[in-house]
Amino acid sequence: MSQPDPPSPDAVPTDKYFKKAKEVLLTAAMDAASKIRLDAKVIGAYYEGLLKESDRAAGIFAFAFLESQITEIFAQLLDPNISGGIPTILGQNGILNTVSARLRAVSERTESVGGFPNQLVSD
């Protein structure tokens, strides 16, 4: 894939450059997503178990499961050699210690590669 010539510093970026930037970001996102390890059998068994629950309990359990999966994905993607280790980010008083913070981070990252708008996640 050839790279377009960079625009001059005073030029207004064209749609061609925005499309190329989006393509590069999507490629990087797909590469990062391919490194995430999730066990489909565990997920399937969990959701089959939800069928035995009431509508309310199933919703609560499903959200809790999704939240734990998001936390696991962050744990897989974060650098384990950061100062203090991953618990300093995901643990108590960490920057991503709440469901809201993790969902906001996922939403912002997803929107940057053309996904969900940030308005879907609020305080």
PDB file of N, CA and C in Angstrom:
ATOM      1  N   MET A   1       0.843  -1.173   0.000  1.00  0.00           N
ATOM      2  CA  MET A   1       0.000   0.000   0.000  1.00  0.00           C
ATOM      3  C   MET A   1       0.888   1.236   0.000  1.00  0.00           C
ATOM      4  N   SER A   2       0.714   2.089  -0.991  1.00  0.00           N
ATOM      5  CA  SER A   2       1.542   3.285  -1.051  1.00  0.00           C
ATOM      6  C   SER A   2       0.964   4.377  -0.166  1.00  0.00           C
ATOM      7  N   GLN A   3       1.852   5.172   0.344  1.00  0.00           N
ATOM      8  CA  GLN A   3       1.449   6.264   1.229  1.00  0.00           C
ATOM      9  C   GLN A   3       1.281   7.533   0.395  1.00  0.00           C
ATOM     10  N   PRO A   4       0.229   8.319   0.637  1.00  0.00           N
ATOM     11  CA  PRO A   4       0.073   9.570  -0.105  1.00  0.00           C
ATOM     12  C   PRO A   4       1.120  10.573   0.364  1.00  0.00           C
ATOM     13  N   ASP A   5       1.414  11.512  -0.518  1.00  0.00           N
ATOM     14  CA  ASP A   5       2.353  12.568  -0.130  1.00  0.00           C
ATOM     15  C   ASP A   5       1.768  13.354   1.026  1.00  0.00           C
ATOM     16  N   PRO A   6       2.598  13.704   2.019  1.00  0.00           N
ATOM     17  CA  PRO A   6       2.068  14.467   3.151  1.00  0.00           C
ATOM     18  C   PRO A   6       1.658  15.865   2.708  1.00  0.00           C
ATOM     19  N   PRO A   7       0.595  16.397   3.299  1.00  0.00           N
ATOM     20  CA  PRO A   7       0.164  17.739   2.917  1.00  0.00           C
ATOM     21  C   PRO A   7       1.151  18.772   3.451  1.00  0.00           C
ATOM     22  N   SER A   8       1.162  19.923   2.822  1.00  0.00           N
ATOM     23  CA  SER A   8       1.998  21.002   3.343  1.00  0.00           C
ATOM     24  C   SER A   8       1.399  21.471   4.660  1.00  0.00           C
ATOM     25  N   PRO A   9       2.221  22.072   5.548  1.00  0.00           N
ATOM     26  CA  PRO A   9       1.725  22.461   6.877  1.00  0.00           C
ATOM     27  C   PRO A   9       0.533  23.413   6.864  1.00  0.00           C
ATOM     28  N   ASP A  10       0.390  24.205   5.802  1.00  0.00           N
ATOM     29  CA  ASP A  10      -0.722  25.159   5.767  1.00  0.00           C
ATOM     30  C   ASP A  10      -1.896  24.663   4.929  1.00  0.00           C
ATOM     31  N   ALA A  11      -1.818  23.447   4.414  1.00  0.00           N
ATOM     32  CA  ALA A  11      -2.897  22.891   3.591  1.00  0.00           C
ATOM     33  C   ALA A  11      -4.014  22.342   4.469  1.00  0.00           C
ATOM     34  N   VAL A  12      -5.218  22.400   3.952  1.00  0.00           N
ATOM     35  CA  VAL A  12      -6.375  21.816   4.627  1.00  0.00           C
ATOM     36  C   VAL A  12      -6.442  20.350   4.219  1.00  0.00           C
ATOM     37  N   PRO A  13      -6.483  19.416   5.209  1.00  0.00           N
ATOM     38  CA  PRO A  13      -6.544  17.989   4.851  1.00  0.00           C
ATOM     39  C   PRO A  13      -7.779  17.684   4.013  1.00  0.00           C
ATOM     40  N   THR A  14      -7.602  16.829   3.039  1.00  0.00           N
ATOM     41  CA  THR A  14      -8.709  16.446   2.160  1.00  0.00           C
ATOM     42  C   THR A  14      -9.329  15.147   2.656  1.00  0.00           C
ATOM     43  N   ASP A  15     -10.449  14.798   2.047  1.00  0.00           N
ATOM     44  CA  ASP A  15     -11.111  13.526   2.385  1.00  0.00           C
ATOM     45  C   ASP A  15     -10.181  12.346   2.150  1.00  0.00           C
ATOM     46  N   LYS A  16      -9.321  12.463   1.131  1.00  0.00           N
ATOM     47  CA  LYS A  16      -8.382  11.385   0.817  1.00  0.00           C
ATOM     48  C   LYS A  16      -7.485  11.104   2.029  1.00  0.00           C
ATOM     49  N   TYR A  17      -7.020  12.143   2.694  1.00  0.00           N
ATOM     50  CA  TYR A  17      -6.149  11.954   3.855  1.00  0.00           C
ATOM     51  C   TYR A  17      -6.925  11.423   5.059  1.00  0.00           C
ATOM     52  N   PHE A  18      -8.169  11.883   5.233  1.00  0.00           N
ATOM     53  CA  PHE A  18      -8.984  11.368   6.322  1.00  0.00           C
ATOM     54  C   PHE A  18      -9.299   9.890   6.123  1.00  0.00           C
ATOM     55  N   LYS A  19      -9.594   9.497   4.888  1.00  0.00           N
ATOM     56  CA  LYS A  19      -9.870   8.088   4.605  1.00  0.00           C
ATOM     57  C   LYS A  19      -8.631   7.236   4.858  1.00  0.00           C
ATOM     58  N   LYS A  20      -7.465   7.730   4.467  1.00  0.00           N
ATOM     59  CA  LYS A  20      -6.222   6.990   4.689  1.00  0.00           C
ATOM     60  C   LYS A  20      -5.945   6.865   6.186  1.00  0.00           C
ATOM     61  N   ALA A  21      -6.150   7.956   6.926  1.00  0.00           N
ATOM     62  CA  ALA A  21      -5.923   7.917   8.376  1.00  0.00           C
ATOM     63  C   ALA A  21      -6.871   6.924   9.035  1.00  0.00           C
ATOM     64  N   LYS A  22      -8.122   6.903   8.625  1.00  0.00           N
ATOM     65  CA  LYS A  22      -9.089   5.963   9.184  1.00  0.00           C
ATOM     66  C   LYS A  22      -8.680   4.527   8.866  1.00  0.00           C
ATOM     67  N   GLU A  23      -8.209   4.290   7.650  1.00  0.00           N
ATOM     68  CA  GLU A  23      -7.763   2.957   7.256  1.00  0.00           C
ATOM     69  C   GLU A  23      -6.590   2.494   8.123  1.00  0.00           C
ATOM     70  N   VAL A  24      -5.649   3.388   8.358  1.00  0.00           N
ATOM     71  CA  VAL A  24      -4.488   3.049   9.187  1.00  0.00           C
ATOM     72  C   VAL A  24      -4.931   2.756  10.622  1.00  0.00           C
ATOM     73  N   LEU A  25      -5.827   3.586  11.171  1.00  0.00           N
ATOM     74  CA  LEU A  25      -6.310   3.372  12.537  1.00  0.00           C
ATOM     75  C   LEU A  25      -7.093   2.071  12.652  1.00  0.00           C
ATOM     76  N   LEU A  26      -7.938   1.776  11.670  1.00  0.00           N
ATOM     77  CA  LEU A  26      -8.706   0.530  11.712  1.00  0.00           C
ATOM     78  C   LEU A  26      -7.794  -0.685  11.622  1.00  0.00           C
ATOM     79  N   THR A  27      -6.761  -0.599  10.799  1.00  0.00           N
ATOM     80  CA  THR A  27      -5.804  -1.702  10.691  1.00  0.00           C
ATOM     81  C   THR A  27      -5.107  -1.923  12.030  1.00  0.00           C
ATOM     82  N   ALA A  28      -4.694  -0.831  12.669  1.00  0.00           N
ATOM     83  CA  ALA A  28      -4.037  -0.940  13.976  1.00  0.00           C
ATOM     84  C   ALA A  28      -4.993  -1.513  15.017  1.00  0.00           C
ATOM     85  N   ALA A  29      -6.257  -1.080  14.992  1.00  0.00           N
ATOM     86  CA  ALA A  29      -7.239  -1.588  15.950  1.00  0.00           C
ATOM     87  C   ALA A  29      -7.503  -3.073  15.742  1.00  0.00           C
ATOM     88  N   MET A  30      -7.622  -3.495  14.496  1.00  0.00           N
ATOM     89  CA  MET A  30      -7.854  -4.914  14.219  1.00  0.00           C
ATOM     90  C   MET A  30      -6.651  -5.753  14.636  1.00  0.00           C
ATOM     91  N   ASP A  31      -5.451  -5.224  14.441  1.00  0.00           N
ATOM     92  CA  ASP A  31      -4.245  -5.927  14.868  1.00  0.00           C
ATOM     93  C   ASP A  31      -4.250  -6.093  16.393  1.00  0.00           C
ATOM     94  N   ALA A  32      -4.585  -5.015  17.108  1.00  0.00           N
ATOM     95  CA  ALA A  32      -4.637  -5.096  18.575  1.00  0.00           C
ATOM     96  C   ALA A  32      -5.737  -6.059  19.021  1.00  0.00           C
ATOM     97  N   ALA A  33      -6.891  -6.025  18.358  1.00  0.00           N
ATOM     98  CA  ALA A  33      -8.005  -6.904  18.732  1.00  0.00           C
ATOM     99  C   ALA A  33      -7.661  -8.370  18.501  1.00  0.00           C
ATOM    100  N   SER A  34      -6.843  -8.654  17.495  1.00  0.00           N
ATOM    101  CA  SER A  34      -6.494 -10.042  17.218  1.00  0.00           C
ATOM    102  C   SER A  34      -5.627 -10.651  18.316  1.00  0.00           C
ATOM    103  N   LYS A  35      -5.036  -9.827  19.148  1.00  0.00           N
ATOM    104  CA  LYS A  35      -4.172 -10.311  20.226  1.00  0.00           C
ATOM    105  C   LYS A  35      -4.940 -10.590  21.517  1.00  0.00           C
ATOM    106  N   ILE A  36      -6.214 -10.223  21.568  1.00  0.00           N
ATOM    107  CA  ILE A  36      -7.023 -10.420  22.767  1.00  0.00           C
ATOM    108  C   ILE A  36      -7.454 -11.879  22.839  1.00  0.00           C
ATOM    109  N   ARG A  37      -7.290 -12.473  24.008  1.00  0.00           N
ATOM    110  CA  ARG A  37      -7.644 -13.872  24.197  1.00  0.00           C
ATOM    111  C   ARG A  37      -8.929 -13.976  25.030  1.00  0.00           C
ATOM    112  N   LEU A  38      -9.971 -14.515  24.431  1.00  0.00           N
ATOM    113  CA  LEU A  38     -11.221 -14.793  25.128  1.00  0.00           C
ATOM    114  C   LEU A  38     -11.590 -16.244  24.846  1.00  0.00           C
ATOM    115  N   ASP A  39     -12.085 -16.927  25.855  1.00  0.00           N
ATOM    116  CA  ASP A  39     -12.462 -18.331  25.698  1.00  0.00           C
ATOM    117  C   ASP A  39     -13.948 -18.416  25.351  1.00  0.00           C
ATOM    118  N   ALA A  40     -14.233 -18.728  24.090  1.00  0.00           N
ATOM    119  CA  ALA A  40     -15.614 -18.778  23.609  1.00  0.00           C
ATOM    120  C   ALA A  40     -16.444 -19.817  24.346  1.00  0.00           C
ATOM    121  N   LYS A  41     -15.835 -20.922  24.765  1.00  0.00           N
ATOM    122  CA  LYS A  41     -16.588 -21.949  25.488  1.00  0.00           C
ATOM    123  C   LYS A  41     -17.063 -21.425  26.840  1.00  0.00           C
ATOM    124  N   VAL A  42     -16.209 -20.682  27.516  1.00  0.00           N
ATOM    125  CA  VAL A  42     -16.583 -20.103  28.814  1.00  0.00           C
ATOM    126  C   VAL A  42     -17.719 -19.099  28.619  1.00  0.00           C
ATOM    127  N   ILE A  43     -17.585 -18.258  27.610  1.00  0.00           N
ATOM    128  CA  ILE A  43     -18.610 -17.249  27.348  1.00  0.00           C
ATOM    129  C   ILE A  43     -19.939 -17.922  27.007  1.00  0.00           C
ATOM    130  N   GLY A  44     -19.900 -18.924  26.140  1.00  0.00           N
ATOM    131  CA  GLY A  44     -21.127 -19.632  25.759  1.00  0.00           C
ATOM    132  C   GLY A  44     -21.792 -20.309  26.940  1.00  0.00           C
ATOM    133  N   ALA A  45     -21.001 -20.978  27.773  1.00  0.00           N
ATOM    134  CA  ALA A  45     -21.548 -21.654  28.951  1.00  0.00           C
ATOM    135  C   ALA A  45     -22.164 -20.648  29.914  1.00  0.00           C
ATOM    136  N   TYR A  46     -21.517 -19.497  30.074  1.00  0.00           N
ATOM    137  CA  TYR A  46     -22.046 -18.469  30.975  1.00  0.00           C
ATOM    138  C   TYR A  46     -23.416 -17.998  30.491  1.00  0.00           C
ATOM    139  N   TYR A  47     -23.501 -17.693  29.197  1.00  0.00           N
ATOM    140  CA  TYR A  47     -24.771 -17.194  28.668  1.00  0.00           C
ATOM    141  C   TYR A  47     -25.859 -18.271  28.642  1.00  0.00           C
ATOM    142  N   GLU A  48     -25.506 -19.510  28.467  1.00  0.00           N
ATOM    143  CA  GLU A  48     -26.505 -20.578  28.571  1.00  0.00           C
ATOM    144  C   GLU A  48     -27.063 -20.621  29.989  1.00  0.00           C
ATOM    145  N   GLY A  49     -26.209 -20.393  30.970  1.00  0.00           N
ATOM    146  CA  GLY A  49     -26.650 -20.351  32.362  1.00  0.00           C
ATOM    147  C   GLY A  49     -27.617 -19.210  32.632  1.00  0.00           C
ATOM    148  N   LEU A  50     -27.492 -18.121  31.878  1.00  0.00           N
ATOM    149  CA  LEU A  50     -28.390 -16.977  32.064  1.00  0.00           C
ATOM    150  C   LEU A  50     -29.829 -17.310  31.687  1.00  0.00           C
ATOM    151  N   LEU A  51     -30.012 -18.286  30.831  1.00  0.00           N
ATOM    152  CA  LEU A  51     -31.366 -18.644  30.400  1.00  0.00           C
ATOM    153  C   LEU A  51     -32.219 -19.152  31.555  1.00  0.00           C
ATOM    154  N   LYS A  52     -31.579 -19.617  32.630  1.00  0.00           N
ATOM    155  CA  LYS A  52     -32.302 -20.133  33.789  1.00  0.00           C
ATOM    156  C   LYS A  52     -32.700 -19.028  34.758  1.00  0.00           C
ATOM    157  N   GLU A  53     -32.173 -17.820  34.539  1.00  0.00           N
ATOM    158  CA  GLU A  53     -32.404 -16.712  35.462  1.00  0.00           C
ATOM    159  C   GLU A  53     -33.618 -15.893  35.051  1.00  0.00           C
ATOM    160  N   SER A  54     -34.112 -15.084  36.001  1.00  0.00           N
ATOM    161  CA  SER A  54     -35.190 -14.146  35.673  1.00  0.00           C
ATOM    162  C   SER A  54     -34.630 -13.077  34.731  1.00  0.00           C
ATOM    163  N   ASP A  55     -35.517 -12.325  34.093  1.00  0.00           N
ATOM    164  CA  ASP A  55     -35.068 -11.268  33.191  1.00  0.00           C
ATOM    165  C   ASP A  55     -34.168 -10.278  33.908  1.00  0.00           C
ATOM    166  N   ARG A  56     -34.562  -9.890  35.102  1.00  0.00           N
ATOM    167  CA  ARG A  56     -33.782  -8.910  35.861  1.00  0.00           C
ATOM    168  C   ARG A  56     -32.411  -9.472  36.243  1.00  0.00           C
ATOM    169  N   ALA A  57     -32.385 -10.677  36.782  1.00  0.00           N
ATOM    170  CA  ALA A  57     -31.111 -11.282  37.192  1.00  0.00           C
ATOM    171  C   ALA A  57     -30.212 -11.512  35.987  1.00  0.00           C
ATOM    172  N   ALA A  58     -30.797 -11.949  34.869  1.00  0.00           N
ATOM    173  CA  ALA A  58     -29.996 -12.192  33.668  1.00  0.00           C
ATOM    174  C   ALA A  58     -29.322 -10.914  33.199  1.00  0.00           C
ATOM    175  N   GLY A  59     -30.042  -9.807  33.231  1.00  0.00           N
ATOM    176  CA  GLY A  59     -29.470  -8.519  32.837  1.00  0.00           C
ATOM    177  C   GLY A  59     -28.321  -8.100  33.732  1.00  0.00           C
ATOM    178  N   ILE A  60     -28.507  -8.264  35.029  1.00  0.00           N
ATOM    179  CA  ILE A  60     -27.462  -7.899  35.985  1.00  0.00           C
ATOM    180  C   ILE A  60     -26.240  -8.792  35.815  1.00  0.00           C
ATOM    181  N   PHE A  61     -26.459 -10.091  35.725  1.00  0.00           N
ATOM    182  CA  PHE A  61     -25.346 -11.028  35.559  1.00  0.00           C
ATOM    183  C   PHE A  61     -24.622 -10.819  34.225  1.00  0.00           C
ATOM    184  N   ALA A  62     -25.391 -10.552  33.167  1.00  0.00           N
ATOM    185  CA  ALA A  62     -24.780 -10.338  31.848  1.00  0.00           C
ATOM    186  C   ALA A  62     -23.893  -9.094  31.874  1.00  0.00           C
ATOM    187  N   PHE A  63     -24.393  -8.017  32.479  1.00  0.00           N
ATOM    188  CA  PHE A  63     -23.586  -6.795  32.563  1.00  0.00           C
ATOM    189  C   PHE A  63     -22.327  -7.044  33.393  1.00  0.00           C
ATOM    190  N   ALA A  64     -22.466  -7.739  34.503  1.00  0.00           N
ATOM    191  CA  ALA A  64     -21.299  -8.036  35.341  1.00  0.00           C
ATOM    192  C   ALA A  64     -20.274  -8.871  34.573  1.00  0.00           C
ATOM    193  N   PHE A  65     -20.749  -9.819  33.784  1.00  0.00           N
ATOM    194  CA  PHE A  65     -19.842 -10.646  32.998  1.00  0.00           C
ATOM    195  C   PHE A  65     -19.123  -9.811  31.942  1.00  0.00           C
ATOM    196  N   LEU A  66     -19.874  -8.976  31.221  1.00  0.00           N
ATOM    197  CA  LEU A  66     -19.254  -8.113  30.210  1.00  0.00           C
ATOM    198  C   LEU A  66     -18.224  -7.185  30.844  1.00  0.00           C
ATOM    199  N   GLU A  67     -18.551  -6.647  31.990  1.00  0.00           N
ATOM    200  CA  GLU A  67     -17.624  -5.755  32.696  1.00  0.00           C
ATOM    201  C   GLU A  67     -16.357  -6.503  33.079  1.00  0.00           C
ATOM    202  N   SER A  68     -16.490  -7.749  33.538  1.00  0.00           N
ATOM    203  CA  SER A  68     -15.296  -8.518  33.900  1.00  0.00           C
ATOM    204  C   SER A  68     -14.467  -8.840  32.663  1.00  0.00           C
ATOM    205  N   GLN A  69     -15.117  -9.071  31.517  1.00  0.00           N
ATOM    206  CA  GLN A  69     -14.389  -9.322  30.278  1.00  0.00           C
ATOM    207  C   GLN A  69     -13.630  -8.074  29.820  1.00  0.00           C
ATOM    208  N   ILE A  70     -14.251  -6.904  29.942  1.00  0.00           N
ATOM    209  CA  ILE A  70     -13.573  -5.651  29.599  1.00  0.00           C
ATOM    210  C   ILE A  70     -12.358  -5.454  30.493  1.00  0.00           C
ATOM    211  N   THR A  71     -12.503  -5.732  31.774  1.00  0.00           N
ATOM    212  CA  THR A  71     -11.373  -5.615  32.699  1.00  0.00           C
ATOM    213  C   THR A  71     -10.253  -6.565  32.298  1.00  0.00           C
ATOM    214  N   GLU A  72     -10.614  -7.782  31.926  1.00  0.00           N
ATOM    215  CA  GLU A  72      -9.613  -8.767  31.502  1.00  0.00           C
ATOM    216  C   GLU A  72      -8.901  -8.317  30.231  1.00  0.00           C
ATOM    217  N   ILE A  73      -9.642  -7.734  29.306  1.00  0.00           N
ATOM    218  CA  ILE A  73      -9.026  -7.230  28.074  1.00  0.00           C
ATOM    219  C   ILE A  73      -8.032  -6.125  28.400  1.00  0.00           C
ATOM    220  N   PHE A  74      -8.417  -5.194  29.268  1.00  0.00           N
ATOM    221  CA  PHE A  74      -7.472  -4.152  29.687  1.00  0.00           C
ATOM    222  C   PHE A  74      -6.239  -4.781  30.326  1.00  0.00           C
ATOM    223  N   ALA A  75      -6.429  -5.765  31.179  1.00  0.00           N
ATOM    224  CA  ALA A  75      -5.292  -6.416  31.845  1.00  0.00           C
ATOM    225  C   ALA A  75      -4.363  -7.072  30.821  1.00  0.00           C
ATOM    226  N   GLN A  76      -4.935  -7.611  29.744  1.00  0.00           N
ATOM    227  CA  GLN A  76      -4.121  -8.230  28.703  1.00  0.00           C
ATOM    228  C   GLN A  76      -3.360  -7.201  27.877  1.00  0.00           C
ATOM    229  N   LEU A  77      -3.973  -6.042  27.643  1.00  0.00           N
ATOM    230  CA  LEU A  77      -3.377  -5.052  26.752  1.00  0.00           C
ATOM    231  C   LEU A  77      -2.431  -4.073  27.441  1.00  0.00           C
ATOM    232  N   LEU A  78      -2.597  -3.882  28.736  1.00  0.00           N
ATOM    233  CA  LEU A  78      -1.745  -2.927  29.440  1.00  0.00           C
ATOM    234  C   LEU A  78      -0.352  -3.503  29.654  1.00  0.00           C
ATOM    235  N   ASP A  79       0.623  -2.638  29.711  1.00  0.00           N
ATOM    236  CA  ASP A  79       2.017  -3.047  29.928  1.00  0.00           C
ATOM    237  C   ASP A  79       2.182  -3.493  31.379  1.00  0.00           C
ATOM    238  N   PRO A  80       2.504  -4.767  31.630  1.00  0.00           N
ATOM    239  CA  PRO A  80       2.640  -5.253  33.011  1.00  0.00           C
ATOM    240  C   PRO A  80       3.851  -4.654  33.734  1.00  0.00           C
ATOM    241  N   ASN A  81       4.742  -4.013  33.002  1.00  0.00           N
ATOM    242  CA  ASN A  81       5.947  -3.445  33.607  1.00  0.00           C
ATOM    243  C   ASN A  81       5.798  -1.985  34.014  1.00  0.00           C
ATOM    244  N   ILE A  82       4.576  -1.457  33.960  1.00  0.00           N
ATOM    245  CA  ILE A  82       4.393  -0.073  34.382  1.00  0.00           C
ATOM    246  C   ILE A  82       4.693   0.046  35.864  1.00  0.00           C
ATOM    247  N   SER A  83       5.047   1.222  36.283  1.00  0.00           N
ATOM    248  CA  SER A  83       5.373   1.456  37.688  1.00  0.00           C
ATOM    249  C   SER A  83       4.193   1.060  38.577  1.00  0.00           C
ATOM    250  N   GLY A  84       4.405   0.144  39.494  1.00  0.00           N
ATOM    251  CA  GLY A  84       3.347  -0.310  40.389  1.00  0.00           C
ATOM    252  C   GLY A  84       2.531  -1.462  39.832  1.00  0.00           C
ATOM    253  N   GLY A  85       2.707  -1.783  38.563  1.00  0.00           N
ATOM    254  CA  GLY A  85       1.984  -2.883  37.948  1.00  0.00           C
ATOM    255  C   GLY A  85       0.562  -2.508  37.545  1.00  0.00           C
ATOM    256  N   ILE A  86      -0.110  -3.445  36.933  1.00  0.00           N
ATOM    257  CA  ILE A  86      -1.473  -3.228  36.432  1.00  0.00           C
ATOM    258  C   ILE A  86      -2.463  -2.855  37.533  1.00  0.00           C
ATOM    259  N   PRO A  87      -2.314  -3.382  38.777  1.00  0.00           N
ATOM    260  CA  PRO A  87      -3.264  -2.978  39.822  1.00  0.00           C
ATOM    261  C   PRO A  87      -3.301  -1.469  40.083  1.00  0.00           C
ATOM    262  N   THR A  88      -2.231  -0.754  39.744  1.00  0.00           N
ATOM    263  CA  THR A  88      -2.258   0.701  39.950  1.00  0.00           C
ATOM    264  C   THR A  88      -3.195   1.384  38.967  1.00  0.00           C
ATOM    265  N   ILE A  89      -3.552   0.692  37.884  1.00  0.00           N
ATOM    266  CA  ILE A  89      -4.493   1.253  36.914  1.00  0.00           C
ATOM    267  C   ILE A  89      -5.890   0.677  37.104  1.00  0.00           C
ATOM    268  N   LEU A  90      -5.979  -0.642  37.268  1.00  0.00           N
ATOM    269  CA  LEU A  90      -7.285  -1.300  37.359  1.00  0.00           C
ATOM    270  C   LEU A  90      -7.754  -1.498  38.797  1.00  0.00           C
ATOM    271  N   GLY A  91      -6.853  -1.419  39.757  1.00  0.00           N
ATOM    272  CA  GLY A  91      -7.203  -1.685  41.149  1.00  0.00           C
ATOM    273  C   GLY A  91      -7.810  -0.482  41.853  1.00  0.00           C
ATOM    274  N   GLN A  92      -7.968  -0.613  43.153  1.00  0.00           N
ATOM    275  CA  GLN A  92      -8.564   0.454  43.960  1.00  0.00           C
ATOM    276  C   GLN A  92      -7.788   1.746  43.771  1.00  0.00           C
ATOM    277  N   ASN A  93      -8.502   2.827  43.520  1.00  0.00           N
ATOM    278  CA  ASN A  93      -7.969   4.165  43.273  1.00  0.00           C
ATOM    279  C   ASN A  93      -7.206   4.268  41.958  1.00  0.00           C
ATOM    280  N   GLY A  94      -7.300   3.261  41.104  1.00  0.00           N
ATOM    281  CA  GLY A  94      -6.666   3.325  39.789  1.00  0.00           C
ATOM    282  C   GLY A  94      -7.506   4.146  38.833  1.00  0.00           C
ATOM    283  N   ILE A  95      -6.883   4.599  37.760  1.00  0.00           N
ATOM    284  CA  ILE A  95      -7.582   5.441  36.796  1.00  0.00           C
ATOM    285  C   ILE A  95      -8.730   4.699  36.099  1.00  0.00           C
ATOM    286  N   LEU A  96      -8.634   3.368  36.013  1.00  0.00           N
ATOM    287  CA  LEU A  96      -9.690   2.554  35.396  1.00  0.00           C
ATOM    288  C   LEU A  96     -10.324   1.605  36.413  1.00  0.00           C
ATOM    289  N   ASN A  97     -10.503   2.081  37.628  1.00  0.00           N
ATOM    290  CA  ASN A  97     -11.022   1.200  38.681  1.00  0.00           C
ATOM    291  C   ASN A  97     -12.543   1.099  38.717  1.00  0.00           C
ATOM    292  N   THR A  98     -13.242   1.908  37.956  1.00  0.00           N
ATOM    293  CA  THR A  98     -14.707   1.840  37.968  1.00  0.00           C
ATOM    294  C   THR A  98     -15.229   1.381  36.610  1.00  0.00           C
ATOM    295  N   VAL A  99     -16.432   0.844  36.614  1.00  0.00           N
ATOM    296  CA  VAL A  99     -17.070   0.436  35.365  1.00  0.00           C
ATOM    297  C   VAL A  99     -17.196   1.649  34.444  1.00  0.00           C
ATOM    298  N   SER A 100     -17.590   2.770  34.990  1.00  0.00           N
ATOM    299  CA  SER A 100     -17.754   3.982  34.194  1.00  0.00           C
ATOM    300  C   SER A 100     -16.457   4.374  33.507  1.00  0.00           C
ATOM    301  N   ALA A 101     -15.351   4.337  34.224  1.00  0.00           N
ATOM    302  CA  ALA A 101     -14.055   4.718  33.640  1.00  0.00           C
ATOM    303  C   ALA A 101     -13.654   3.753  32.531  1.00  0.00           C
ATOM    304  N   ARG A 102     -13.872   2.469  32.746  1.00  0.00           N
ATOM    305  CA  ARG A 102     -13.508   1.489  31.724  1.00  0.00           C
ATOM    306  C   ARG A 102     -14.393   1.634  30.482  1.00  0.00           C
ATOM    307  N   LEU A 103     -15.701   1.827  30.668  1.00  0.00           N
ATOM    308  CA  LEU A 103     -16.599   2.013  29.527  1.00  0.00           C
ATOM    309  C   LEU A 103     -16.270   3.299  28.773  1.00  0.00           C
ATOM    310  N   ARG A 104     -15.930   4.345  29.500  1.00  0.00           N
ATOM    311  CA  ARG A 104     -15.547   5.600  28.851  1.00  0.00           C
ATOM    312  C   ARG A 104     -14.284   5.391  28.013  1.00  0.00           C
ATOM    313  N   ALA A 105     -13.308   4.682  28.546  1.00  0.00           N
ATOM    314  CA  ALA A 105     -12.072   4.418  27.809  1.00  0.00           C
ATOM    315  C   ALA A 105     -12.350   3.585  26.563  1.00  0.00           C
ATOM    316  N   VAL A 106     -13.196   2.568  26.685  1.00  0.00           N
ATOM    317  CA  VAL A 106     -13.556   1.743  25.526  1.00  0.00           C
ATOM    318  C   VAL A 106     -14.291   2.596  24.500  1.00  0.00           C
ATOM    319  N   SER A 107     -15.219   3.432  24.947  1.00  0.00           N
ATOM    320  CA  SER A 107     -15.994   4.272  24.044  1.00  0.00           C
ATOM    321  C   SER A 107     -15.096   5.254  23.313  1.00  0.00           C
ATOM    322  N   GLU A 108     -14.193   5.889  24.023  1.00  0.00           N
ATOM    323  CA  GLU A 108     -13.307   6.866  23.388  1.00  0.00           C
ATOM    324  C   GLU A 108     -12.384   6.195  22.393  1.00  0.00           C
ATOM    325  N   ARG A 109     -11.875   5.039  22.745  1.00  0.00           N
ATOM    326  CA  ARG A 109     -10.989   4.302  21.833  1.00  0.00           C
ATOM    327  C   ARG A 109     -11.773   3.828  20.619  1.00  0.00           C
ATOM    328  N   THR A 110     -12.992   3.359  20.829  1.00  0.00           N
ATOM    329  CA  THR A 110     -13.813   2.863  19.729  1.00  0.00           C
ATOM    330  C   THR A 110     -14.187   4.006  18.791  1.00  0.00           C
ATOM    331  N   GLU A 111     -14.546   5.175  19.350  1.00  0.00           N
ATOM    332  CA  GLU A 111     -14.931   6.298  18.507  1.00  0.00           C
ATOM    333  C   GLU A 111     -13.747   6.761  17.668  1.00  0.00           C
ATOM    334  N   SER A 112     -12.523   6.664  18.208  1.00  0.00           N
ATOM    335  CA  SER A 112     -11.360   7.127  17.465  1.00  0.00           C
ATOM    336  C   SER A 112     -11.105   6.296  16.217  1.00  0.00           C
ATOM    337  N   VAL A 113     -11.665   5.098  16.146  1.00  0.00           N
ATOM    338  CA  VAL A 113     -11.519   4.265  14.941  1.00  0.00           C
ATOM    339  C   VAL A 113     -12.862   4.089  14.231  1.00  0.00           C
ATOM    340  N   GLY A 114     -13.772   5.053  14.419  1.00  0.00           N
ATOM    341  CA  GLY A 114     -15.014   5.072  13.668  1.00  0.00           C
ATOM    342  C   GLY A 114     -16.156   4.309  14.286  1.00  0.00           C
ATOM    343  N   GLY A 115     -16.108   4.028  15.582  1.00  0.00           N
ATOM    344  CA  GLY A 115     -17.158   3.251  16.232  1.00  0.00           C
ATOM    345  C   GLY A 115     -18.199   4.106  16.921  1.00  0.00           C
ATOM    346  N   PHE A 116     -18.614   3.658  18.099  1.00  0.00           N
ATOM    347  CA  PHE A 116     -19.691   4.303  18.826  1.00  0.00           C
ATOM    348  C   PHE A 116     -19.354   5.741  19.203  1.00  0.00           C
ATOM    349  N   PRO A 117     -20.319   6.661  19.092  1.00  0.00           N
ATOM    350  CA  PRO A 117     -20.060   8.032  19.537  1.00  0.00           C
ATOM    351  C   PRO A 117     -20.001   8.088  21.067  1.00  0.00           C
ATOM    352  N   ASN A 118     -19.218   9.021  21.586  1.00  0.00           N
ATOM    353  CA  ASN A 118     -19.046   9.143  23.037  1.00  0.00           C
ATOM    354  C   ASN A 118     -20.345   9.473  23.761  1.00  0.00           C
ATOM    355  N   GLN A 119     -21.344   9.976  23.055  1.00  0.00           N
ATOM    356  CA  GLN A 119     -22.597  10.315  23.725  1.00  0.00           C
ATOM    357  C   GLN A 119     -23.283   9.082  24.298  1.00  0.00           C
ATOM    358  N   LEU A 120     -22.869   7.884  23.885  1.00  0.00           N
ATOM    359  CA  LEU A 120     -23.475   6.670  24.420  1.00  0.00           C
ATOM    360  C   LEU A 120     -22.998   6.366  25.841  1.00  0.00           C
ATOM    361  N   VAL A 121     -21.932   7.010  26.268  1.00  0.00           N
ATOM    362  CA  VAL A 121     -21.400   6.791  27.610  1.00  0.00           C
ATOM    363  C   VAL A 121     -21.429   8.123  28.333  1.00  0.00           C
ATOM    364  N   SER A 122     -22.128   8.179  29.465  1.00  0.00           N
ATOM    365  CA  SER A 122     -22.195   9.427  30.214  1.00  0.00           C
ATOM    366  C   SER A 122     -21.932   9.138  31.674  1.00  0.00           C
ATOM    367  N   ASP A 123     -21.712  10.195  32.423  1.00  0.00           N
ATOM    368  CA  ASP A 123     -21.442  10.047  33.862  1.00  0.00           C
ATOM    369  C   ASP A 123     -22.686   9.646  34.619  1.00  0.00           C
TER     370      ASP A 123
END
